[in-house]
Amino acid sequence: MVEKIAIQGVVEDNKRKHLTKEANQMFQALEQRDTLFVCMNMDEYTELAFSNLKKCLVIDVSELNAYLLAAFSSVVMEEAAFQYVVQDKTEE
C-alpha cells in the first residue's frame, strides 16, 4: 500500500531538518513498531539524527534492497527517493 503523508516540522523550505527531535516526531506519527526510512541523497546529519532512535533505520535510496523491505513492518520514502525507484524500475 502506498500512502502519501506529510509530517509537519520535519521538512522546511524543501530541506530536511537534522535533529533527533524531528526524527522521533516522524517515527511517532507513524505509530508503527519498526520503520525503514529511505532518503534521497542522505547526509551524515540525517544519519546521526536517526541513529539515536531505536526500532528504525535510515538509508540512502542506493542502499535499498529486498531484504530491508521485508525486514521492516513499514517503509517511509521521501518523494524523490520513491520517484527514483519507480523511474529505475520502468527503465529496466
PDB file of N, CA and C in Angstrom:
ATOM      1  N   MET A   1       0.840  -1.168   0.000  1.00  0.00           N
ATOM      2  CA  MET A   1       0.000   0.000   0.000  1.00  0.00           C
ATOM      3  C   MET A   1       0.893   1.242   0.000  1.00  0.00           C
ATOM      4  N   VAL A   2       0.619   2.162  -0.864  1.00  0.00           N
ATOM      5  CA  VAL A   2       1.358   3.416  -0.937  1.00  0.00           C
ATOM      6  C   VAL A   2       0.446   4.522  -0.459  1.00  0.00           C
ATOM      7  N   GLU A   3       0.955   5.281   0.499  1.00  0.00           N
ATOM      8  CA  GLU A   3       0.179   6.388   1.057  1.00  0.00           C
ATOM      9  C   GLU A   3       1.094   7.597   1.160  1.00  0.00           C
ATOM     10  N   LYS A   4       0.660   8.713   0.638  1.00  0.00           N
ATOM     11  CA  LYS A   4       1.453   9.939   0.706  1.00  0.00           C
ATOM     12  C   LYS A   4       1.040  10.710   1.950  1.00  0.00           C
ATOM     13  N   ILE A   5       2.021  10.969   2.830  1.00  0.00           N
ATOM     14  CA  ILE A   5       1.736  11.707   4.061  1.00  0.00           C
ATOM     15  C   ILE A   5       2.721  12.857   4.198  1.00  0.00           C
ATOM     16  N   ALA A   6       2.313  13.868   4.912  1.00  0.00           N
ATOM     17  CA  ALA A   6       3.196  14.988   5.244  1.00  0.00           C
ATOM     18  C   ALA A   6       3.235  15.098   6.758  1.00  0.00           C
ATOM     19  N   ILE A   7       4.430  15.151   7.299  1.00  0.00           N
ATOM     20  CA  ILE A   7       4.591  15.271   8.742  1.00  0.00           C
ATOM     21  C   ILE A   7       5.146  16.654   9.024  1.00  0.00           C
ATOM     22  N   GLN A   8       4.361  17.463   9.694  1.00  0.00           N
ATOM     23  CA  GLN A   8       4.718  18.855   9.958  1.00  0.00           C
ATOM     24  C   GLN A   8       6.002  18.957  10.782  1.00  0.00           C
ATOM     25  N   GLY A   9       6.826  19.944  10.447  1.00  0.00           N
ATOM     26  CA  GLY A   9       8.013  20.241  11.239  1.00  0.00           C
ATOM     27  C   GLY A   9       9.240  19.444  10.870  1.00  0.00           C
ATOM     28  N   VAL A  10       9.130  18.499   9.947  1.00  0.00           N
ATOM     29  CA  VAL A  10      10.277  17.681   9.582  1.00  0.00           C
ATOM     30  C   VAL A  10      10.996  18.249   8.365  1.00  0.00           C
ATOM     31  N   VAL A  11      10.245  18.820   7.440  1.00  0.00           N
ATOM     32  CA  VAL A  11      10.824  19.433   6.246  1.00  0.00           C
ATOM     33  C   VAL A  11      10.365  20.880   6.177  1.00  0.00           C
ATOM     34  N   GLU A  12      11.320  21.782   6.019  1.00  0.00           N
ATOM     35  CA  GLU A  12      11.005  23.200   5.852  1.00  0.00           C
ATOM     36  C   GLU A  12      11.754  23.715   4.643  1.00  0.00           C
ATOM     37  N   ASP A  13      11.080  24.475   3.798  1.00  0.00           N
ATOM     38  CA  ASP A  13      11.676  25.037   2.585  1.00  0.00           C
ATOM     39  C   ASP A  13      12.351  23.956   1.736  1.00  0.00           C
ATOM     40  N   ASN A  14      11.697  22.803   1.639  1.00  0.00           N
ATOM     41  CA  ASN A  14      12.195  21.656   0.870  1.00  0.00           C
ATOM     42  C   ASN A  14      13.534  21.131   1.362  1.00  0.00           C
ATOM     43  N   LYS A  15      13.877  21.397   2.620  1.00  0.00           N
ATOM     44  CA  LYS A  15      15.110  20.875   3.204  1.00  0.00           C
ATOM     45  C   LYS A  15      14.771  20.098   4.466  1.00  0.00           C
ATOM     46  N   ARG A  16      15.444  18.969   4.648  1.00  0.00           N
ATOM     47  CA  ARG A  16      15.251  18.139   5.817  1.00  0.00           C
ATOM     48  C   ARG A  16      15.839  18.795   7.053  1.00  0.00           C
ATOM     49  N   LYS A  17      15.132  18.686   8.177  1.00  0.00           N
ATOM     50  CA  LYS A  17      15.721  19.090   9.448  1.00  0.00           C
ATOM     51  C   LYS A  17      16.578  17.933   9.941  1.00  0.00           C
ATOM     52  N   HIS A  18      17.629  18.234  10.668  1.00  0.00           N
ATOM     53  CA  HIS A  18      18.595  17.215  11.050  1.00  0.00           C
ATOM     54  C   HIS A  18      18.653  17.004  12.557  1.00  0.00           C
ATOM     55  N   LEU A  19      17.521  17.039  13.222  1.00  0.00           N
ATOM     56  CA  LEU A  19      17.529  16.870  14.662  1.00  0.00           C
ATOM     57  C   LEU A  19      16.831  15.581  15.049  1.00  0.00           C
ATOM     58  N   THR A  20      17.317  14.967  16.116  1.00  0.00           N
ATOM     59  CA  THR A  20      16.695  13.744  16.606  1.00  0.00           C
ATOM     60  C   THR A  20      15.249  14.004  16.996  1.00  0.00           C
ATOM     61  N   LYS A  21      14.953  15.203  17.490  1.00  0.00           N
ATOM     62  CA  LYS A  21      13.580  15.541  17.878  1.00  0.00           C
ATOM     63  C   LYS A  21      12.636  15.397  16.689  1.00  0.00           C
ATOM     64  N   GLU A  22      13.026  15.915  15.529  1.00  0.00           N
ATOM     65  CA  GLU A  22      12.188  15.810  14.342  1.00  0.00           C
ATOM     66  C   GLU A  22      12.117  14.370  13.833  1.00  0.00           C
ATOM     67  N   ALA A  23      13.234  13.651  13.910  1.00  0.00           N
ATOM     68  CA  ALA A  23      13.229  12.245  13.503  1.00  0.00           C
ATOM     69  C   ALA A  23      12.287  11.441  14.387  1.00  0.00           C
ATOM     70  N   ASN A  24      12.332  11.683  15.687  1.00  0.00           N
ATOM     71  CA  ASN A  24      11.443  10.989  16.615  1.00  0.00           C
ATOM     72  C   ASN A  24       9.984  11.372  16.361  1.00  0.00           C
ATOM     73  N   GLN A  25       9.730  12.633  16.051  1.00  0.00           N
ATOM     74  CA  GLN A  25       8.372  13.092  15.747  1.00  0.00           C
ATOM     75  C   GLN A  25       7.827  12.330  14.538  1.00  0.00           C
ATOM     76  N   MET A  26       8.651  12.156  13.517  1.00  0.00           N
ATOM     77  CA  MET A  26       8.229  11.428  12.333  1.00  0.00           C
ATOM     78  C   MET A  26       7.943   9.966  12.673  1.00  0.00           C
ATOM     79  N   PHE A  27       8.824   9.339  13.437  1.00  0.00           N
ATOM     80  CA  PHE A  27       8.647   7.940  13.817  1.00  0.00           C
ATOM     81  C   PHE A  27       7.384   7.753  14.652  1.00  0.00           C
ATOM     82  N   GLN A  28       7.146   8.622  15.630  1.00  0.00           N
ATOM     83  CA  GLN A  28       5.968   8.513  16.494  1.00  0.00           C
ATOM     84  C   GLN A  28       4.669   8.746  15.720  1.00  0.00           C
ATOM     85  N   ALA A  29       4.692   9.626  14.734  1.00  0.00           N
ATOM     86  CA  ALA A  29       3.484   9.921  13.953  1.00  0.00           C
ATOM     87  C   ALA A  29       3.011   8.710  13.158  1.00  0.00           C
ATOM     88  N   LEU A  30       3.915   7.816  12.839  1.00  0.00           N
ATOM     89  CA  LEU A  30       3.557   6.638  12.053  1.00  0.00           C
ATOM     90  C   LEU A  30       2.883   5.550  12.878  1.00  0.00           C
ATOM     91  N   GLU A  31       3.098   5.573  14.184  1.00  0.00           N
ATOM     92  CA  GLU A  31       2.523   4.587  15.098  1.00  0.00           C
ATOM     93  C   GLU A  31       2.822   3.162  14.644  1.00  0.00           C
ATOM     94  N   GLN A  32       4.055   2.909  14.249  1.00  0.00           N
ATOM     95  CA  GLN A  32       4.497   1.582  13.829  1.00  0.00           C
ATOM     96  C   GLN A  32       5.535   1.059  14.810  1.00  0.00           C
ATOM     97  N   ARG A  33       5.721  -0.251  14.821  1.00  0.00           N
ATOM     98  CA  ARG A  33       6.694  -0.820  15.758  1.00  0.00           C
ATOM     99  C   ARG A  33       8.126  -0.722  15.247  1.00  0.00           C
ATOM    100  N   ASP A  34       8.317  -0.761  13.927  1.00  0.00           N
ATOM    101  CA  ASP A  34       9.641  -0.533  13.347  1.00  0.00           C
ATOM    102  C   ASP A  34       9.470   0.023  11.935  1.00  0.00           C
ATOM    103  N   THR A  35      10.384   0.893  11.554  1.00  0.00           N
ATOM    104  CA  THR A  35      10.224   1.604  10.285  1.00  0.00           C
ATOM    105  C   THR A  35      11.568   1.775   9.594  1.00  0.00           C
ATOM    106  N   LEU A  36      11.561   1.581   8.289  1.00  0.00           N
ATOM    107  CA  LEU A  36      12.705   1.866   7.439  1.00  0.00           C
ATOM    108  C   LEU A  36      12.434   3.192   6.739  1.00  0.00           C
ATOM    109  N   PHE A  37      13.322   4.161   6.903  1.00  0.00           N
ATOM    110  CA  PHE A  37      13.213   5.457   6.235  1.00  0.00           C
ATOM    111  C   PHE A  37      14.210   5.483   5.077  1.00  0.00           C
ATOM    112  N   VAL A  38      13.736   5.816   3.886  1.00  0.00           N
ATOM    113  CA  VAL A  38      14.583   5.853   2.695  1.00  0.00           C
ATOM    114  C   VAL A  38      14.664   7.295   2.214  1.00  0.00           C
ATOM    115  N   CYS A  39      15.883   7.821   2.164  1.00  0.00           N
ATOM    116  CA  CYS A  39      16.112   9.217   1.778  1.00  0.00           C
ATOM    117  C   CYS A  39      16.820   9.289   0.432  1.00  0.00           C
ATOM    118  N   MET A  40      16.604  10.368  -0.249  1.00  0.00           N
ATOM    119  CA  MET A  40      17.344  10.660  -1.475  1.00  0.00           C
ATOM    120  C   MET A  40      18.511  11.542  -1.068  1.00  0.00           C
ATOM    121  N   ASN A  41      19.719  11.136  -1.409  1.00  0.00           N
ATOM    122  CA  ASN A  41      20.925  11.900  -1.072  1.00  0.00           C
ATOM    123  C   ASN A  41      21.042  12.142   0.430  1.00  0.00           C
ATOM    124  N   MET A  42      21.045  11.083   1.202  1.00  0.00           N
ATOM    125  CA  MET A  42      21.145  11.196   2.656  1.00  0.00           C
ATOM    126  C   MET A  42      22.502  11.783   3.051  1.00  0.00           C
ATOM    127  N   ASP A  43      22.489  12.623   4.070  1.00  0.00           N
ATOM    128  CA  ASP A  43      23.732  13.202   4.563  1.00  0.00           C
ATOM    129  C   ASP A  43      24.018  12.680   5.970  1.00  0.00           C
ATOM    130  N   GLU A  44      25.202  13.009   6.482  1.00  0.00           N
ATOM    131  CA  GLU A  44      25.608  12.480   7.783  1.00  0.00           C
ATOM    132  C   GLU A  44      24.746  13.007   8.927  1.00  0.00           C
ATOM    133  N   TYR A  45      24.194  14.207   8.803  1.00  0.00           N
ATOM    134  CA  TYR A  45      23.377  14.766   9.874  1.00  0.00           C
ATOM    135  C   TYR A  45      22.052  14.014  10.017  1.00  0.00           C
ATOM    136  N   THR A  46      21.475  13.642   8.892  1.00  0.00           N
ATOM    137  CA  THR A  46      20.248  12.841   8.928  1.00  0.00           C
ATOM    138  C   THR A  46      20.542  11.484   9.543  1.00  0.00           C
ATOM    139  N   GLU A  47      21.649  10.878   9.148  1.00  0.00           N
ATOM    140  CA  GLU A  47      22.031   9.577   9.705  1.00  0.00           C
ATOM    141  C   GLU A  47      22.238   9.668  11.215  1.00  0.00           C
ATOM    142  N   LEU A  48      22.891  10.714  11.682  1.00  0.00           N
ATOM    143  CA  LEU A  48      23.119  10.889  13.120  1.00  0.00           C
ATOM    144  C   LEU A  48      21.813  11.104  13.878  1.00  0.00           C
ATOM    145  N   ALA A  49      20.899  11.871  13.315  1.00  0.00           N
ATOM    146  CA  ALA A  49      19.619  12.124  13.983  1.00  0.00           C
ATOM    147  C   ALA A  49      18.843  10.831  14.178  1.00  0.00           C
ATOM    148  N   PHE A  50      18.816   9.978  13.172  1.00  0.00           N
ATOM    149  CA  PHE A  50      18.067   8.728  13.270  1.00  0.00           C
ATOM    150  C   PHE A  50      18.812   7.656  14.050  1.00  0.00           C
ATOM    151  N   SER A  51      20.132   7.749  14.137  1.00  0.00           N
ATOM    152  CA  SER A  51      20.888   6.719  14.850  1.00  0.00           C
ATOM    153  C   SER A  51      20.579   6.708  16.340  1.00  0.00           C
ATOM    154  N   ASN A  52      20.039   7.793  16.862  1.00  0.00           N
ATOM    155  CA  ASN A  52      19.669   7.849  18.274  1.00  0.00           C
ATOM    156  C   ASN A  52      18.338   7.165  18.568  1.00  0.00           C
ATOM    157  N   LEU A  53      17.603   6.794  17.543  1.00  0.00           N
ATOM    158  CA  LEU A  53      16.285   6.186  17.718  1.00  0.00           C
ATOM    159  C   LEU A  53      16.365   4.674  17.577  1.00  0.00           C
ATOM    160  N   LYS A  54      15.641   3.984  18.435  1.00  0.00           N
ATOM    161  CA  LYS A  54      15.563   2.531  18.337  1.00  0.00           C
ATOM    162  C   LYS A  54      14.409   2.166  17.422  1.00  0.00           C
ATOM    163  N   LYS A  55      14.475   0.993  16.866  1.00  0.00           N
ATOM    164  CA  LYS A  55      13.407   0.431  16.036  1.00  0.00           C
ATOM    165  C   LYS A  55      13.233   1.140  14.706  1.00  0.00           C
ATOM    166  N   CYS A  56      14.240   1.860  14.252  1.00  0.00           N
ATOM    167  CA  CYS A  56      14.154   2.440  12.916  1.00  0.00           C
ATOM    168  C   CYS A  56      15.552   2.500  12.301  1.00  0.00           C
ATOM    169  N   LEU A  57      15.566   2.517  10.988  1.00  0.00           N
ATOM    170  CA  LEU A  57      16.810   2.591  10.234  1.00  0.00           C
ATOM    171  C   LEU A  57      16.600   3.581   9.108  1.00  0.00           C
ATOM    172  N   VAL A  58      17.587   4.410   8.854  1.00  0.00           N
ATOM    173  CA  VAL A  58      17.519   5.352   7.735  1.00  0.00           C
ATOM    174  C   VAL A  58      18.640   4.999   6.770  1.00  0.00           C
ATOM    175  N   ILE A  59      18.293   4.929   5.482  1.00  0.00           N
ATOM    176  CA  ILE A  59      19.267   4.578   4.456  1.00  0.00           C
ATOM    177  C   ILE A  59      19.098   5.495   3.251  1.00  0.00           C
ATOM    178  N   ASP A  60      20.128   5.534   2.422  1.00  0.00           N
ATOM    179  CA  ASP A  60      20.046   6.228   1.145  1.00  0.00           C
ATOM    180  C   ASP A  60      19.350   5.303   0.153  1.00  0.00           C
ATOM    181  N   VAL A  61      18.667   5.858  -0.807  1.00  0.00           N
ATOM    182  CA  VAL A  61      17.918   5.059  -1.781  1.00  0.00           C
ATOM    183  C   VAL A  61      18.829   4.072  -2.516  1.00  0.00           C
ATOM    184  N   SER A  62      20.091   4.395  -2.674  1.00  0.00           N
ATOM    185  CA  SER A  62      21.021   3.496  -3.361  1.00  0.00           C
ATOM    186  C   SER A  62      21.301   2.224  -2.562  1.00  0.00           C
ATOM    187  N   GLU A  63      21.023   2.231  -1.257  1.00  0.00           N
ATOM    188  CA  GLU A  63      21.238   1.064  -0.402  1.00  0.00           C
ATOM    189  C   GLU A  63      20.011   0.164  -0.294  1.00  0.00           C
ATOM    190  N   LEU A  64      18.912   0.569  -0.885  1.00  0.00           N
ATOM    191  CA  LEU A  64      17.654  -0.162  -0.763  1.00  0.00           C
ATOM    192  C   LEU A  64      17.740  -1.527  -1.439  1.00  0.00           C
ATOM    193  N   ASN A  65      17.272  -2.570  -0.724  1.00  0.00           N
ATOM    194  CA  ASN A  65      17.232  -3.910  -1.307  1.00  0.00           C
ATOM    195  C   ASN A  65      16.018  -4.663  -0.770  1.00  0.00           C
ATOM    196  N   ALA A  66      15.757  -5.821  -1.338  1.00  0.00           N
ATOM    197  CA  ALA A  66      14.567  -6.605  -0.980  1.00  0.00           C
ATOM    198  C   ALA A  66      14.602  -7.064   0.471  1.00  0.00           C
ATOM    199  N   TYR A  67      15.781  -7.412   0.982  1.00  0.00           N
ATOM    200  CA  TYR A  67      15.872  -7.860   2.368  1.00  0.00           C
ATOM    201  C   TYR A  67      15.411  -6.761   3.324  1.00  0.00           C
ATOM    202  N   LEU A  68      15.875  -5.540   3.127  1.00  0.00           N
ATOM    203  CA  LEU A  68      15.477  -4.438   4.005  1.00  0.00           C
ATOM    204  C   LEU A  68      13.981  -4.167   3.910  1.00  0.00           C
ATOM    205  N   LEU A  69      13.431  -4.232   2.713  1.00  0.00           N
ATOM    206  CA  LEU A  69      11.990  -4.015   2.556  1.00  0.00           C
ATOM    207  C   LEU A  69      11.190  -5.062   3.317  1.00  0.00           C
ATOM    208  N   ALA A  70      11.659  -6.301   3.323  1.00  0.00           N
ATOM    209  CA  ALA A  70      10.940  -7.383   4.005  1.00  0.00           C
ATOM    210  C   ALA A  70      11.146  -7.359   5.515  1.00  0.00           C
ATOM    211  N   ALA A  71      12.258  -6.805   5.974  1.00  0.00           N
ATOM    212  CA  ALA A  71      12.607  -6.866   7.393  1.00  0.00           C
ATOM    213  C   ALA A  71      11.837  -5.880   8.268  1.00  0.00           C
ATOM    214  N   PHE A  72      11.285  -4.825   7.686  1.00  0.00           N
ATOM    215  CA  PHE A  72      10.605  -3.793   8.468  1.00  0.00           C
ATOM    216  C   PHE A  72       9.100  -3.855   8.247  1.00  0.00           C
ATOM    217  N   SER A  73       8.357  -3.511   9.299  1.00  0.00           N
ATOM    218  CA  SER A  73       6.891  -3.544   9.190  1.00  0.00           C
ATOM    219  C   SER A  73       6.353  -2.375   8.373  1.00  0.00           C
ATOM    220  N   SER A  74       7.104  -1.293   8.261  1.00  0.00           N
ATOM    221  CA  SER A  74       6.689  -0.175   7.413  1.00  0.00           C
ATOM    222  C   SER A  74       7.917   0.482   6.789  1.00  0.00           C
ATOM    223  N   VAL A  75       7.699   1.063   5.622  1.00  0.00           N
ATOM    224  CA  VAL A  75       8.766   1.739   4.889  1.00  0.00           C
ATOM    225  C   VAL A  75       8.279   3.137   4.537  1.00  0.00           C
ATOM    226  N   VAL A  76       9.085   4.142   4.856  1.00  0.00           N
ATOM    227  CA  VAL A  76       8.766   5.531   4.533  1.00  0.00           C
ATOM    228  C   VAL A  76       9.855   6.038   3.597  1.00  0.00           C
ATOM    229  N   MET A  77       9.419   6.566   2.447  1.00  0.00           N
ATOM    230  CA  MET A  77      10.367   7.079   1.466  1.00  0.00           C
ATOM    231  C   MET A  77      10.078   8.545   1.188  1.00  0.00           C
ATOM    232  N   GLU A  78      11.140   9.314   1.016  1.00  0.00           N
ATOM    233  CA  GLU A  78      10.953  10.668   0.519  1.00  0.00           C
ATOM    234  C   GLU A  78      10.395  10.564  -0.896  1.00  0.00           C
ATOM    235  N   GLU A  79       9.644  11.557  -1.291  1.00  0.00           N
ATOM    236  CA  GLU A  79       9.018  11.514  -2.613  1.00  0.00           C
ATOM    237  C   GLU A  79      10.060  11.373  -3.720  1.00  0.00           C
ATOM    238  N   ALA A  80      11.176  12.074  -3.594  1.00  0.00           N
ATOM    239  CA  ALA A  80      12.231  11.994  -4.610  1.00  0.00           C
ATOM    240  C   ALA A  80      12.830  10.591  -4.670  1.00  0.00           C
ATOM    241  N   ALA A  81      12.986   9.947  -3.524  1.00  0.00           N
ATOM    242  CA  ALA A  81      13.511   8.580  -3.485  1.00  0.00           C
ATOM    243  C   ALA A  81      12.532   7.613  -4.138  1.00  0.00           C
ATOM    244  N   PHE A  82      11.247   7.792  -3.872  1.00  0.00           N
ATOM    245  CA  PHE A  82      10.227   6.938  -4.482  1.00  0.00           C
ATOM    246  C   PHE A  82      10.235   7.094  -5.999  1.00  0.00           C
ATOM    247  N   GLN A  83      10.312   8.331  -6.473  1.00  0.00           N
ATOM    248  CA  GLN A  83      10.348   8.579  -7.917  1.00  0.00           C
ATOM    249  C   GLN A  83      11.588   7.947  -8.550  1.00  0.00           C
ATOM    250  N   TYR A  84      12.711   7.982  -7.839  1.00  0.00           N
ATOM    251  CA  TYR A  84      13.951   7.374  -8.322  1.00  0.00           C
ATOM    252  C   TYR A  84      13.773   5.866  -8.493  1.00  0.00           C
ATOM    253  N   VAL A  85      13.163   5.209  -7.518  1.00  0.00           N
ATOM    254  CA  VAL A  85      12.939   3.763  -7.584  1.00  0.00           C
ATOM    255  C   VAL A  85      11.974   3.424  -8.716  1.00  0.00           C
ATOM    256  N   VAL A  86      10.896   4.163  -8.823  1.00  0.00           N
ATOM    257  CA  VAL A  86       9.904   3.908  -9.873  1.00  0.00           C
ATOM    258  C   VAL A  86      10.519   4.129 -11.255  1.00  0.00           C
ATOM    259  N   GLN A  87      11.269   5.200 -11.415  1.00  0.00           N
ATOM    260  CA  GLN A  87      11.899   5.503 -12.696  1.00  0.00           C
ATOM    261  C   GLN A  87      12.911   4.425 -13.058  1.00  0.00           C
ATOM    262  N   ASP A  88      13.725   3.995 -12.087  1.00  0.00           N
ATOM    263  CA  ASP A  88      14.730   2.971 -12.319  1.00  0.00           C
ATOM    264  C   ASP A  88      14.072   1.660 -12.748  1.00  0.00           C
ATOM    265  N   LYS A  89      12.956   1.326 -12.130  1.00  0.00           N
ATOM    266  CA  LYS A  89      12.243   0.084 -12.439  1.00  0.00           C
ATOM    267  C   LYS A  89      11.630   0.128 -13.836  1.00  0.00           C
ATOM    268  N   THR A  90      11.103   1.261 -14.238  1.00  0.00           N
ATOM    269  CA  THR A  90      10.469   1.359 -15.557  1.00  0.00           C
ATOM    270  C   THR A  90      11.498   1.369 -16.687  1.00  0.00           C
ATOM    271  N   GLU A  91      12.735   1.726 -16.382  1.00  0.00           N
ATOM    272  CA  GLU A  91      13.781   1.745 -17.406  1.00  0.00           C
ATOM    273  C   GLU A  91      14.358   0.365 -17.670  1.00  0.00           C
ATOM    274  N   GLU A  92      14.120  -0.605 -16.778  1.00  0.00           N
ATOM    275  CA  GLU A  92      14.675  -1.956 -16.950  1.00  0.00           C
ATOM    276  C   GLU A  92      13.968  -2.723 -18.021  1.00  0.00           C
TER     277      GLU A  92
END
